[in-house]
Amino acid sequence: MKNYVIGGKKALTLLVLAASLVGVSAHATEQAHQRREARDTRQDTRQDARHVKRSCVVNDNKSNSDCRQDKRSSKQDGRQQARDIKY
């Protein structure tokens, strides 16, 4: 049986390749975490906006279109918060 030895350049290349893959994997994991957090923020904002609109219509005696604007602005604020988390 022959013993094969990897040359110095090949070993160094493999080491650099393995290290770069670990770095890419860690970065992808962090991005996935940020996406999940941003998605959760948007979902919570949508739910809150629904409650705000419903309470606006019932309690404030405003028209549906006036309350719709309040809902839109609160959803837009939530989307901006999600962008701030992701980027």
Protein backbone atom coordinates (compact mmCIF):
# COMPACT_ATOMS: atom_id res chain seq x y z
CA MET A 1 0.00 0.00 0.00
CA LYS A 2 1.29 3.43 -0.85
CA ASN A 3 1.12 6.32 1.60
CA TYR A 4 -0.04 9.55 0.04
CA VAL A 5 0.97 12.87 1.51
CA ILE A 6 -0.86 16.03 0.60
CA GLY A 7 1.49 18.75 -0.49
CA GLY A 8 1.81 21.98 1.47
CA LYS A 9 -0.04 24.10 -1.08
CA LYS A 10 -2.91 21.65 -1.32
CA ALA A 11 -3.24 21.42 2.45
CA LEU A 12 -3.23 25.19 2.74
CA THR A 13 -5.86 25.47 0.00
CA LEU A 14 -8.10 22.93 1.73
CA LEU A 15 -7.68 24.73 5.05
CA VAL A 16 -8.61 28.11 3.53
CA LEU A 17 -11.59 26.57 1.74
CA ALA A 18 -12.87 24.93 4.93
CA ALA A 19 -12.44 28.16 6.92
CA SER A 20 -14.32 30.18 4.30
CA LEU A 21 -17.20 27.71 4.30
CA VAL A 22 -17.53 28.01 8.07
CA GLY A 23 -17.61 31.80 7.76
CA VAL A 24 -20.28 31.69 5.05
CA SER A 25 -22.36 29.29 7.10
CA ALA A 26 -22.22 31.54 10.16
CA HIS A 27 -23.23 34.55 8.07
CA ALA A 28 -26.16 32.67 6.53
CA THR A 29 -27.33 31.62 9.98
CA GLU A 30 -27.24 35.23 11.16
CA GLN A 31 -29.21 36.35 8.10
CA ALA A 32 -31.81 33.65 8.72
CA HIS A 33 -32.19 34.85 12.29
CA GLN A 34 -32.66 38.43 11.11
CA ARG A 35 -35.27 37.36 8.53
CA ARG A 36 -37.23 35.44 11.17
CA GLU A 37 -37.11 38.37 13.58
CA ALA A 38 -38.23 40.79 10.84
CA ARG A 39 -41.05 38.44 9.79
CA ASP A 40 -42.23 38.14 13.39
CA THR A 41 -42.20 41.93 13.69
CA ARG A 42 -44.32 42.30 10.54
CA GLN A 43 -46.79 39.65 11.70
CA ASP A 44 -47.16 41.26 15.12
CA THR A 45 -47.64 44.63 13.47
CA ARG A 46 -50.41 43.29 11.22
CA GLN A 47 -52.23 41.82 14.21
CA ASP A 48 -51.86 45.06 16.18
CA ALA A 49 -53.07 47.10 13.19
CA ARG A 50 -56.22 44.97 12.98
CA HIS A 51 -56.97 45.61 16.64
CA VAL A 52 -56.27 49.33 16.25
CA LYS A 53 -58.65 49.56 13.31
CA ARG A 54 -61.40 47.60 15.05
CA SER A 55 -61.15 49.73 18.20
CA CYS A 56 -61.05 52.88 16.06
CA VAL A 57 -64.30 51.98 14.31
CA VAL A 58 -66.05 50.93 17.51
CA ASN A 59 -64.78 53.49 20.03
CA ASP A 60 -63.94 56.61 18.03
CA ASN A 61 -67.02 56.65 15.81
CA LYS A 62 -64.83 57.38 12.81
CA SER A 63 -65.63 56.21 9.31
CA ASN A 64 -64.06 53.05 8.01
CA SER A 65 -61.86 55.02 5.61
CA ASP A 66 -60.46 57.21 8.40
CA CYS A 67 -59.59 54.14 10.44
CA ARG A 68 -58.11 52.48 7.36
CA GLN A 69 -55.54 55.27 7.13
CA ASP A 70 -54.56 54.68 10.76
CA LYS A 71 -54.14 50.98 10.00
CA ARG A 72 -52.01 51.70 6.93
CA SER A 73 -49.71 54.03 8.81
CA SER A 74 -49.22 51.55 11.66
CA LYS A 75 -48.46 48.75 9.17
CA GLN A 76 -45.96 51.00 7.39
CA ASP A 77 -44.23 51.70 10.71
CA GLY A 78 -43.99 47.96 11.32
CA ARG A 79 -42.52 47.36 7.88
CA GLN A 80 -39.90 50.02 8.57
CA GLN A 81 -39.01 48.36 11.87
CA ALA A 82 -38.61 45.06 10.03
CA ARG A 83 -36.30 46.72 7.47
CA ASP A 84 -34.24 48.18 10.29
CA ILE A 85 -33.83 44.69 11.75
CA LYS A 86 -32.84 43.08 8.44
CA TYR A 87 -30.57 45.79 7.09
